Amino acid sequence: MTEKLDDTRRILRGFTGSFTSATISLLLYRLTVSIVQTFAEKPLATDNQTALNIAAAVRTLVMGLSTLATFVFGFAALGLFLLSLQMLGRKLLAGDKESVES
């Protein structure tokens, strides 16, 4: 009895974690889009080539990190969702086997 309850809790935790990770991923996606639009709308106002190179590198780094964080949370959400589906499927199949054997 407690084993079935533990399995149910694990499945619910997986779906909850997936939902949380997907929400964070969506928020990070919106932040990434906002950062990219801001950088595109505001060109650098300098003639110094070194300053332009450093600014371009910093902008690329900021956009890359925000994009990386977005996809990390997105893949975590997908993985947790698929894992929860797998655990749910195994639980349902195990329940079917027990009812057939009885």
PDB file of N, CA and C in Angstrom:
ATOM      1  N   MET A   1       0.815  -1.199   0.000  1.00  0.00           N
ATOM      2  CA  MET A   1       0.000   0.000   0.000  1.00  0.00           C
ATOM      3  C   MET A   1       0.860   1.265   0.000  1.00  0.00           C
ATOM      4  N   THR A   2       1.859   1.313   0.880  1.00  0.00           N
ATOM      5  CA  THR A   2       2.714   2.495   0.919  1.00  0.00           C
ATOM      6  C   THR A   2       3.580   2.585  -0.321  1.00  0.00           C
ATOM      7  N   GLU A   3       3.888   1.432  -0.935  1.00  0.00           N
ATOM      8  CA  GLU A   3       4.696   1.448  -2.152  1.00  0.00           C
ATOM      9  C   GLU A   3       3.935   2.119  -3.290  1.00  0.00           C
ATOM     10  N   LYS A   4       2.629   1.857  -3.398  1.00  0.00           N
ATOM     11  CA  LYS A   4       1.809   2.492  -4.435  1.00  0.00           C
ATOM     12  C   LYS A   4       1.694   3.987  -4.176  1.00  0.00           C
ATOM     13  N   LEU A   5       1.597   4.384  -2.904  1.00  0.00           N
ATOM     14  CA  LEU A   5       1.510   5.799  -2.550  1.00  0.00           C
ATOM     15  C   LEU A   5       2.811   6.510  -2.889  1.00  0.00           C
ATOM     16  N   ASP A   6       3.946   5.848  -2.611  1.00  0.00           N
ATOM     17  CA  ASP A   6       5.244   6.437  -2.954  1.00  0.00           C
ATOM     18  C   ASP A   6       5.394   6.608  -4.465  1.00  0.00           C
ATOM     19  N   ASP A   7       4.946   5.610  -5.226  1.00  0.00           N
ATOM     20  CA  ASP A   7       5.006   5.720  -6.688  1.00  0.00           C
ATOM     21  C   ASP A   7       4.148   6.877  -7.187  1.00  0.00           C
ATOM     22  N   THR A   8       2.970   7.037  -6.615  1.00  0.00           N
ATOM     23  CA  THR A   8       2.091   8.130  -7.008  1.00  0.00           C
ATOM     24  C   THR A   8       2.732   9.474  -6.690  1.00  0.00           C
ATOM     25  N   ARG A   9       3.354   9.573  -5.529  1.00  0.00           N
ATOM     26  CA  ARG A   9       4.029  10.829  -5.156  1.00  0.00           C
ATOM     27  C   ARG A   9       5.180  11.138  -6.104  1.00  0.00           C
ATOM     28  N   ARG A  10       5.934  10.117  -6.479  1.00  0.00           N
ATOM     29  CA  ARG A  10       7.048  10.337  -7.405  1.00  0.00           C
ATOM     30  C   ARG A  10       6.541  10.817  -8.752  1.00  0.00           C
ATOM     31  N   ILE A  11       5.466  10.233  -9.216  1.00  0.00           N
ATOM     32  CA  ILE A  11       4.899  10.645 -10.508  1.00  0.00           C
ATOM     33  C   ILE A  11       4.409  12.081 -10.432  1.00  0.00           C
ATOM     34  N   LEU A  12       3.716  12.427  -9.370  1.00  0.00           N
ATOM     35  CA  LEU A  12       3.226  13.799  -9.219  1.00  0.00           C
ATOM     36  C   LEU A  12       4.376  14.787  -9.076  1.00  0.00           C
ATOM     37  N   ARG A  13       5.420  14.398  -8.356  1.00  0.00           N
ATOM     38  CA  ARG A  13       6.596  15.272  -8.239  1.00  0.00           C
ATOM     39  C   ARG A  13       7.250  15.482  -9.600  1.00  0.00           C
ATOM     40  N   GLY A  14       7.272  14.437 -10.412  1.00  0.00           N
ATOM     41  CA  GLY A  14       7.844  14.567 -11.745  1.00  0.00           C
ATOM     42  C   GLY A  14       7.059  15.535 -12.611  1.00  0.00           C
ATOM     43  N   PHE A  15       5.732  15.409 -12.590  1.00  0.00           N
ATOM     44  CA  PHE A  15       4.908  16.332 -13.374  1.00  0.00           C
ATOM     45  C   PHE A  15       4.997  17.759 -12.827  1.00  0.00           C
ATOM     46  N   THR A  16       5.060  17.904 -11.498  1.00  0.00           N
ATOM     47  CA  THR A  16       5.184  19.232 -10.901  1.00  0.00           C
ATOM     48  C   THR A  16       6.527  19.861 -11.261  1.00  0.00           C
ATOM     49  N   GLY A  17       7.586  19.072 -11.183  1.00  0.00           N
ATOM     50  CA  GLY A  17       8.903  19.576 -11.574  1.00  0.00           C
ATOM     51  C   GLY A  17       8.959  19.951 -13.042  1.00  0.00           C
ATOM     52  N   SER A  18       8.302  19.172 -13.867  1.00  0.00           N
ATOM     53  CA  SER A  18       8.247  19.471 -15.295  1.00  0.00           C
ATOM     54  C   SER A  18       7.517  20.787 -15.553  1.00  0.00           C
ATOM     55  N   PHE A  19       6.396  20.967 -14.872  1.00  0.00           N
ATOM     56  CA  PHE A  19       5.635  22.208 -15.030  1.00  0.00           C
ATOM     57  C   PHE A  19       6.449  23.409 -14.558  1.00  0.00           C
ATOM     58  N   THR A  20       7.129  23.267 -13.428  1.00  0.00           N
ATOM     59  CA  THR A  20       7.941  24.362 -12.895  1.00  0.00           C
ATOM     60  C   THR A  20       9.081  24.702 -13.853  1.00  0.00           C
ATOM     61  N   SER A  21       9.758  23.694 -14.345  1.00  0.00           N
ATOM     62  CA  SER A  21      10.867  23.912 -15.264  1.00  0.00           C
ATOM     63  C   SER A  21      10.391  24.528 -16.581  1.00  0.00           C
ATOM     64  N   ALA A  22       9.241  24.100 -17.057  1.00  0.00           N
ATOM     65  CA  ALA A  22       8.691  24.675 -18.286  1.00  0.00           C
ATOM     66  C   ALA A  22       8.318  26.139 -18.083  1.00  0.00           C
ATOM     67  N   THR A  23       7.787  26.466 -16.914  1.00  0.00           N
ATOM     68  CA  THR A  23       7.447  27.855 -16.621  1.00  0.00           C
ATOM     69  C   THR A  23       8.694  28.730 -16.582  1.00  0.00           C
ATOM     70  N   ILE A  24       9.728  28.248 -15.918  1.00  0.00           N
ATOM     71  CA  ILE A  24      10.989  29.002 -15.875  1.00  0.00           C
ATOM     72  C   ILE A  24      11.561  29.152 -17.277  1.00  0.00           C
ATOM     73  N   SER A  25      11.477  28.095 -18.067  1.00  0.00           N
ATOM     74  CA  SER A  25      11.977  28.152 -19.437  1.00  0.00           C
ATOM     75  C   SER A  25      11.219  29.197 -20.267  1.00  0.00           C
ATOM     76  N   LEU A  26       9.907  29.252 -20.096  1.00  0.00           N
ATOM     77  CA  LEU A  26       9.112  30.247 -20.822  1.00  0.00           C
ATOM     78  C   LEU A  26       9.490  31.662 -20.400  1.00  0.00           C
ATOM     79  N   LEU A  27       9.668  31.873 -19.110  1.00  0.00           N
ATOM     80  CA  LEU A  27      10.075  33.193 -18.625  1.00  0.00           C
ATOM     81  C   LEU A  27      11.461  33.569 -19.147  1.00  0.00           C
ATOM     82  N   LEU A  28      12.372  32.617 -19.165  1.00  0.00           N
ATOM     83  CA  LEU A  28      13.706  32.886 -19.691  1.00  0.00           C
ATOM     84  C   LEU A  28      13.678  33.146 -21.193  1.00  0.00           C
ATOM     85  N   TYR A  29      12.772  32.474 -21.895  1.00  0.00           N
ATOM     86  CA  TYR A  29      12.632  32.727 -23.335  1.00  0.00           C
ATOM     87  C   TYR A  29      12.183  34.167 -23.574  1.00  0.00           C
ATOM     88  N   ARG A  30      11.202  34.598 -22.798  1.00  0.00           N
ATOM     89  CA  ARG A  30      10.743  35.984 -22.942  1.00  0.00           C
ATOM     90  C   ARG A  30      11.852  36.975 -22.602  1.00  0.00           C
ATOM     91  N   LEU A  31      12.649  36.666 -21.576  1.00  0.00           N
ATOM     92  CA  LEU A  31      13.775  37.526 -21.218  1.00  0.00           C
ATOM     93  C   LEU A  31      14.803  37.552 -22.342  1.00  0.00           C
ATOM     94  N   THR A  32      15.072  36.406 -22.939  1.00  0.00           N
ATOM     95  CA  THR A  32      16.033  36.329 -24.038  1.00  0.00           C
ATOM     96  C   THR A  32      15.574  37.157 -25.235  1.00  0.00           C
ATOM     97  N   VAL A  33      14.308  37.045 -25.574  1.00  0.00           N
ATOM     98  CA  VAL A  33      13.769  37.837 -26.684  1.00  0.00           C
ATOM     99  C   VAL A  33      13.881  39.327 -26.379  1.00  0.00           C
ATOM    100  N   SER A  34      13.593  39.694 -25.148  1.00  0.00           N
ATOM    101  CA  SER A  34      13.693  41.097 -24.749  1.00  0.00           C
ATOM    102  C   SER A  34      15.134  41.599 -24.834  1.00  0.00           C
ATOM    103  N   ILE A  35      16.079  40.781 -24.401  1.00  0.00           N
ATOM    104  CA  ILE A  35      17.494  41.162 -24.467  1.00  0.00           C
ATOM    105  C   ILE A  35      17.932  41.339 -25.918  1.00  0.00           C
ATOM    106  N   VAL A  36      17.555  40.413 -26.775  1.00  0.00           N
ATOM    107  CA  VAL A  36      17.947  40.484 -28.183  1.00  0.00           C
ATOM    108  C   VAL A  36      17.349  41.721 -28.847  1.00  0.00           C
ATOM    109  N   GLN A  37      16.083  42.018 -28.568  1.00  0.00           N
ATOM    110  CA  GLN A  37      15.454  43.206 -29.145  1.00  0.00           C
ATOM    111  C   GLN A  37      16.112  44.485 -28.645  1.00  0.00           C
ATOM    112  N   THR A  38      16.450  44.517 -27.379  1.00  0.00           N
ATOM    113  CA  THR A  38      17.110  45.705 -26.824  1.00  0.00           C
ATOM    114  C   THR A  38      18.472  45.918 -27.468  1.00  0.00           C
ATOM    115  N   PHE A  39      19.236  44.851 -27.622  1.00  0.00           N
ATOM    116  CA  PHE A  39      20.545  44.982 -28.255  1.00  0.00           C
ATOM    117  C   PHE A  39      20.414  45.389 -29.720  1.00  0.00           C
ATOM    118  N   ALA A  40      19.378  44.906 -30.406  1.00  0.00           N
ATOM    119  CA  ALA A  40      19.201  45.242 -31.821  1.00  0.00           C
ATOM    120  C   ALA A  40      18.765  46.694 -32.000  1.00  0.00           C
ATOM    121  N   GLU A  41      18.003  47.214 -31.057  1.00  0.00           N
ATOM    122  CA  GLU A  41      17.484  48.579 -31.173  1.00  0.00           C
ATOM    123  C   GLU A  41      18.491  49.641 -30.758  1.00  0.00           C
ATOM    124  N   LYS A  42      19.493  49.264 -29.973  1.00  0.00           N
ATOM    125  CA  LYS A  42      20.451  50.242 -29.469  1.00  0.00           C
ATOM    126  C   LYS A  42      21.845  49.940 -30.004  1.00  0.00           C
ATOM    127  N   PRO A  43      22.202  50.578 -31.110  1.00  0.00           N
ATOM    128  CA  PRO A  43      23.551  50.364 -31.643  1.00  0.00           C
ATOM    129  C   PRO A  43      24.593  51.043 -30.745  1.00  0.00           C
ATOM    130  N   LEU A  44      25.818  50.580 -30.875  1.00  0.00           N
ATOM    131  CA  LEU A  44      26.896  51.142 -30.074  1.00  0.00           C
ATOM    132  C   LEU A  44      27.341  52.469 -30.675  1.00  0.00           C
ATOM    133  N   ALA A  45      27.479  53.459 -29.822  1.00  0.00           N
ATOM    134  CA  ALA A  45      27.823  54.808 -30.287  1.00  0.00           C
ATOM    135  C   ALA A  45      29.279  55.111 -29.961  1.00  0.00           C
ATOM    136  N   THR A  46      30.174  54.473 -30.684  1.00  0.00           N
ATOM    137  CA  THR A  46      31.599  54.752 -30.518  1.00  0.00           C
ATOM    138  C   THR A  46      32.329  54.455 -31.823  1.00  0.00           C
ATOM    139  N   ASP A  47      33.445  55.117 -31.992  1.00  0.00           N
ATOM    140  CA  ASP A  47      34.266  54.875 -33.173  1.00  0.00           C
ATOM    141  C   ASP A  47      35.484  54.021 -32.843  1.00  0.00           C
ATOM    142  N   ASN A  48      35.690  53.747 -31.576  1.00  0.00           N
ATOM    143  CA  ASN A  48      36.836  52.960 -31.135  1.00  0.00           C
ATOM    144  C   ASN A  48      36.607  51.477 -31.464  1.00  0.00           C
ATOM    145  N   GLN A  49      37.487  50.927 -32.273  1.00  0.00           N
ATOM    146  CA  GLN A  49      37.327  49.537 -32.715  1.00  0.00           C
ATOM    147  C   GLN A  49      37.459  48.553 -31.562  1.00  0.00           C
ATOM    148  N   THR A  50      38.336  48.839 -30.623  1.00  0.00           N
ATOM    149  CA  THR A  50      38.512  47.947 -29.480  1.00  0.00           C
ATOM    150  C   THR A  50      37.244  47.919 -28.625  1.00  0.00           C
ATOM    151  N   ALA A  51      36.662  49.077 -28.402  1.00  0.00           N
ATOM    152  CA  ALA A  51      35.421  49.151 -27.621  1.00  0.00           C
ATOM    153  C   ALA A  51      34.286  48.417 -28.332  1.00  0.00           C
ATOM    154  N   LEU A  52      34.229  48.534 -29.645  1.00  0.00           N
ATOM    155  CA  LEU A  52      33.211  47.821 -30.413  1.00  0.00           C
ATOM    156  C   LEU A  52      33.387  46.307 -30.311  1.00  0.00           C
ATOM    157  N   ASN A  53      34.631  45.847 -30.383  1.00  0.00           N
ATOM    158  CA  ASN A  53      34.893  44.410 -30.275  1.00  0.00           C
ATOM    159  C   ASN A  53      34.527  43.874 -28.890  1.00  0.00           C
ATOM    160  N   ILE A  54      34.876  44.620 -27.849  1.00  0.00           N
ATOM    161  CA  ILE A  54      34.550  44.195 -26.484  1.00  0.00           C
ATOM    162  C   ILE A  54      33.037  44.201 -26.278  1.00  0.00           C
ATOM    163  N   ALA A  55      32.366  45.237 -26.750  1.00  0.00           N
ATOM    164  CA  ALA A  55      30.910  45.319 -26.604  1.00  0.00           C
ATOM    165  C   ALA A  55      30.216  44.196 -27.360  1.00  0.00           C
ATOM    166  N   ALA A  56      30.687  43.877 -28.543  1.00  0.00           N
ATOM    167  CA  ALA A  56      30.102  42.778 -29.315  1.00  0.00           C
ATOM    168  C   ALA A  56      30.307  41.448 -28.599  1.00  0.00           C
ATOM    169  N   ALA A  57      31.477  41.273 -28.002  1.00  0.00           N
ATOM    170  CA  ALA A  57      31.745  40.033 -27.265  1.00  0.00           C
ATOM    171  C   ALA A  57      30.841  39.921 -26.034  1.00  0.00           C
ATOM    172  N   VAL A  58      30.664  41.017 -25.322  1.00  0.00           N
ATOM    173  CA  VAL A  58      29.809  41.006 -24.129  1.00  0.00           C
ATOM    174  C   VAL A  58      28.353  40.749 -24.524  1.00  0.00           C
ATOM    175  N   ARG A  59      27.904  41.390 -25.574  1.00  0.00           N
ATOM    176  CA  ARG A  59      26.526  41.168 -26.033  1.00  0.00           C
ATOM    177  C   ARG A  59      26.319  39.712 -26.454  1.00  0.00           C
ATOM    178  N   THR A  60      27.270  39.158 -27.161  1.00  0.00           N
ATOM    179  CA  THR A  60      27.175  37.768 -27.579  1.00  0.00           C
ATOM    180  C   THR A  60      27.154  36.840 -26.367  1.00  0.00           C
ATOM    181  N   LEU A  61      27.975  37.138 -25.382  1.00  0.00           N
ATOM    182  CA  LEU A  61      28.026  36.327 -24.172  1.00  0.00           C
ATOM    183  C   LEU A  61      26.701  36.386 -23.403  1.00  0.00           C
ATOM    184  N   VAL A  62      26.130  37.563 -23.278  1.00  0.00           N
ATOM    185  CA  VAL A  62      24.857  37.711 -22.557  1.00  0.00           C
ATOM    186  C   VAL A  62      23.739  36.977 -23.294  1.00  0.00           C
ATOM    187  N   MET A  63      23.662  37.152 -24.600  1.00  0.00           N
ATOM    188  CA  MET A  63      22.624  36.456 -25.369  1.00  0.00           C
ATOM    189  C   MET A  63      22.830  34.941 -25.326  1.00  0.00           C
ATOM    190  N   GLY A  64      24.068  34.498 -25.414  1.00  0.00           N
ATOM    191  CA  GLY A  64      24.352  33.068 -25.381  1.00  0.00           C
ATOM    192  C   GLY A  64      24.006  32.437 -24.045  1.00  0.00           C
ATOM    193  N   LEU A  65      24.329  33.115 -22.952  1.00  0.00           N
ATOM    194  CA  LEU A  65      24.017  32.575 -21.631  1.00  0.00           C
ATOM    195  C   LEU A  65      22.512  32.517 -21.377  1.00  0.00           C
ATOM    196  N   SER A  66      21.797  33.541 -21.801  1.00  0.00           N
ATOM    197  CA  SER A  66      20.348  33.515 -21.589  1.00  0.00           C
ATOM    198  C   SER A  66      19.689  32.441 -22.463  1.00  0.00           C
ATOM    199  N   THR A  67      20.197  32.257 -23.669  1.00  0.00           N
ATOM    200  CA  THR A  67      19.676  31.206 -24.537  1.00  0.00           C
ATOM    201  C   THR A  67      20.003  29.827 -23.971  1.00  0.00           C
ATOM    202  N   LEU A  68      21.206  29.665 -23.458  1.00  0.00           N
ATOM    203  CA  LEU A  68      21.607  28.390 -22.860  1.00  0.00           C
ATOM    204  C   LEU A  68      20.719  28.048 -21.666  1.00  0.00           C
ATOM    205  N   ALA A  69      20.481  29.023 -20.795  1.00  0.00           N
ATOM    206  CA  ALA A  69      19.624  28.783 -19.631  1.00  0.00           C
ATOM    207  C   ALA A  69      18.208  28.413 -20.067  1.00  0.00           C
ATOM    208  N   THR A  70      17.710  29.069 -21.099  1.00  0.00           N
ATOM    209  CA  THR A  70      16.377  28.760 -21.609  1.00  0.00           C
ATOM    210  C   THR A  70      16.280  27.307 -22.050  1.00  0.00           C
ATOM    211  N   PHE A  71      17.245  26.856 -22.838  1.00  0.00           N
ATOM    212  CA  PHE A  71      17.185  25.498 -23.353  1.00  0.00           C
ATOM    213  C   PHE A  71      17.490  24.449 -22.291  1.00  0.00           C
ATOM    214  N   VAL A  72      18.308  24.781 -21.313  1.00  0.00           N
ATOM    215  CA  VAL A  72      18.569  23.831 -20.227  1.00  0.00           C
ATOM    216  C   VAL A  72      17.281  23.559 -19.461  1.00  0.00           C
ATOM    217  N   PHE A  73      16.563  24.612 -19.109  1.00  0.00           N
ATOM    218  CA  PHE A  73      15.302  24.415 -18.399  1.00  0.00           C
ATOM    219  C   PHE A  73      14.252  23.758 -19.295  1.00  0.00           C
ATOM    220  N   GLY A  74      14.258  24.080 -20.573  1.00  0.00           N
ATOM    221  CA  GLY A  74      13.319  23.446 -21.496  1.00  0.00           C
ATOM    222  C   GLY A  74      13.560  21.950 -21.631  1.00  0.00           C
ATOM    223  N   PHE A  75      14.822  21.554 -21.766  1.00  0.00           N
ATOM    224  CA  PHE A  75      15.134  20.128 -21.870  1.00  0.00           C
ATOM    225  C   PHE A  75      14.881  19.410 -20.549  1.00  0.00           C
ATOM    226  N   ALA A  76      15.120  20.088 -19.428  1.00  0.00           N
ATOM    227  CA  ALA A  76      14.809  19.486 -18.132  1.00  0.00           C
ATOM    228  C   ALA A  76      13.310  19.244 -18.009  1.00  0.00           C
ATOM    229  N   ALA A  77      12.510  20.207 -18.466  1.00  0.00           N
ATOM    230  CA  ALA A  77      11.055  20.051 -18.423  1.00  0.00           C
ATOM    231  C   ALA A  77      10.614  18.876 -19.285  1.00  0.00           C
ATOM    232  N   LEU A  78      11.172  18.782 -20.479  1.00  0.00           N
ATOM    233  CA  LEU A  78      10.829  17.676 -21.371  1.00  0.00           C
ATOM    234  C   LEU A  78      11.236  16.329 -20.773  1.00  0.00           C
ATOM    235  N   GLY A  79      12.445  16.268 -20.227  1.00  0.00           N
ATOM    236  CA  GLY A  79      12.920  15.030 -19.631  1.00  0.00           C
ATOM    237  C   GLY A  79      12.087  14.597 -18.436  1.00  0.00           C
ATOM    238  N   LEU A  80      11.748  15.531 -17.560  1.00  0.00           N
ATOM    239  CA  LEU A  80      10.922  15.195 -16.401  1.00  0.00           C
ATOM    240  C   LEU A  80       9.527  14.749 -16.828  1.00  0.00           C
ATOM    241  N   PHE A  81       8.993  15.397 -17.839  1.00  0.00           N
ATOM    242  CA  PHE A  81       7.666  15.017 -18.321  1.00  0.00           C
ATOM    243  C   PHE A  81       7.679  13.603 -18.893  1.00  0.00           C
ATOM    244  N   LEU A  82       8.681  13.308 -19.703  1.00  0.00           N
ATOM    245  CA  LEU A  82       8.771  11.972 -20.298  1.00  0.00           C
ATOM    246  C   LEU A  82       9.041  10.904 -19.230  1.00  0.00           C
ATOM    247  N   LEU A  83       9.867  11.236 -18.244  1.00  0.00           N
ATOM    248  CA  LEU A  83      10.121  10.297 -17.152  1.00  0.00           C
ATOM    249  C   LEU A  83       8.853  10.022 -16.357  1.00  0.00           C
ATOM    250  N   SER A  84       8.080  11.065 -16.102  1.00  0.00           N
ATOM    251  CA  SER A  84       6.825  10.888 -15.370  1.00  0.00           C
ATOM    252  C   SER A  84       5.844  10.045 -16.173  1.00  0.00           C
ATOM    253  N   LEU A  85       5.790  10.260 -17.478  1.00  0.00           N
ATOM    254  CA  LEU A  85       4.935   9.422 -18.328  1.00  0.00           C
ATOM    255  C   LEU A  85       5.383   7.969 -18.298  1.00  0.00           C
ATOM    256  N   GLN A  86       6.681   7.746 -18.314  1.00  0.00           N
ATOM    257  CA  GLN A  86       7.193   6.386 -18.268  1.00  0.00           C
ATOM    258  C   GLN A  86       6.829   5.718 -16.945  1.00  0.00           C
ATOM    259  N   MET A  87       7.000   6.442 -15.825  1.00  0.00           N
ATOM    260  CA  MET A  87       6.647   5.870 -14.525  1.00  0.00           C
ATOM    261  C   MET A  87       5.147   5.607 -14.433  1.00  0.00           C
ATOM    262  N   LEU A  88       4.343   6.507 -14.975  1.00  0.00           N
ATOM    263  CA  LEU A  88       2.899   6.320 -14.973  1.00  0.00           C
ATOM    264  C   LEU A  88       2.509   5.098 -15.807  1.00  0.00           C
ATOM    265  N   GLY A  89       3.136   4.947 -16.961  1.00  0.00           N
ATOM    266  CA  GLY A  89       2.859   3.794 -17.805  1.00  0.00           C
ATOM    267  C   GLY A  89       3.233   2.488 -17.130  1.00  0.00           C
ATOM    268  N   ARG A  90       4.382   2.469 -16.475  1.00  0.00           N
ATOM    269  CA  ARG A  90       4.793   1.250 -15.766  1.00  0.00           C
ATOM    270  C   ARG A  90       3.841   0.931 -14.623  1.00  0.00           C
ATOM    271  N   LYS A  91       3.381   1.981 -13.932  1.00  0.00           N
ATOM    272  CA  LYS A  91       2.451   1.756 -12.821  1.00  0.00           C
ATOM    273  C   LYS A  91       1.121   1.203 -13.345  1.00  0.00           C
ATOM    274  N   LEU A  92       0.647   1.765 -14.445  1.00  0.00           N
ATOM    275  CA  LEU A  92      -0.615   1.280 -15.013  1.00  0.00           C
ATOM    276  C   LEU A  92      -0.492  -0.143 -15.536  1.00  0.00           C
ATOM    277  N   LEU A  93       0.638  -0.451 -16.182  1.00  0.00           N
ATOM    278  CA  LEU A  93       0.852  -1.805 -16.683  1.00  0.00           C
ATOM    279  C   LEU A  93       0.993  -2.811 -15.546  1.00  0.00           C
ATOM    280  N   ALA A  94       1.643  -2.392 -14.475  1.00  0.00           N
ATOM    281  CA  ALA A  94       1.786  -3.284 -13.315  1.00  0.00           C
ATOM    282  C   ALA A  94       0.429  -3.523 -12.666  1.00  0.00           C
ATOM    283  N   GLY A  95      -0.411  -2.498 -12.643  1.00  0.00           N
ATOM    284  CA  GLY A  95      -1.763  -2.654 -12.096  1.00  0.00           C
ATOM    285  C   GLY A  95      -2.606  -3.582 -12.948  1.00  0.00           C
ATOM    286  N   ASP A  96      -2.437  -3.508 -14.274  1.00  0.00           N
ATOM    287  CA  ASP A  96      -3.175  -4.399 -15.173  1.00  0.00           C
ATOM    288  C   ASP A  96      -2.730  -5.842 -14.999  1.00  0.00           C
ATOM    289  N   LYS A  97      -1.443  -6.051 -14.830  1.00  0.00           N
ATOM    290  CA  LYS A  97      -0.938  -7.423 -14.651  1.00  0.00           C
ATOM    291  C   LYS A  97      -1.451  -8.013 -13.348  1.00  0.00           C
ATOM    292  N   GLU A  98      -1.508  -7.209 -12.280  1.00  0.00           N
ATOM    293  CA  GLU A  98      -1.996  -7.702 -10.996  1.00  0.00           C
ATOM    294  C   GLU A  98      -3.481  -8.067 -11.076  1.00  0.00           C
ATOM    295  N   SER A  99      -4.259  -7.262 -11.796  1.00  0.00           N
ATOM    296  CA  SER A  99      -5.698  -7.549 -11.895  1.00  0.00           C
ATOM    297  C   SER A  99      -5.963  -8.771 -12.775  1.00  0.00           C
ATOM    298  N   VAL A 100      -5.114  -9.014 -13.779  1.00  0.00           N
ATOM    299  CA  VAL A 100      -5.277 -10.187 -14.644  1.00  0.00           C
ATOM    300  C   VAL A 100      -4.889 -11.454 -13.890  1.00  0.00           C
ATOM    301  N   GLU A 101      -3.842 -11.388 -13.063  1.00  0.00           N
ATOM    302  CA  GLU A 101      -3.375 -12.555 -12.327  1.00  0.00           C
ATOM    303  C   GLU A 101      -4.340 -12.969 -11.215  1.00  0.00           C
ATOM    304  N   SER A 102      -5.130 -12.027 -10.691  1.00  0.00           N
ATOM    305  CA  SER A 102      -6.013 -12.372  -9.580  1.00  0.00           C
ATOM    306  C   SER A 102      -7.243 -13.104 -10.020  1.00  0.00           C
TER     307      SER A 102
END
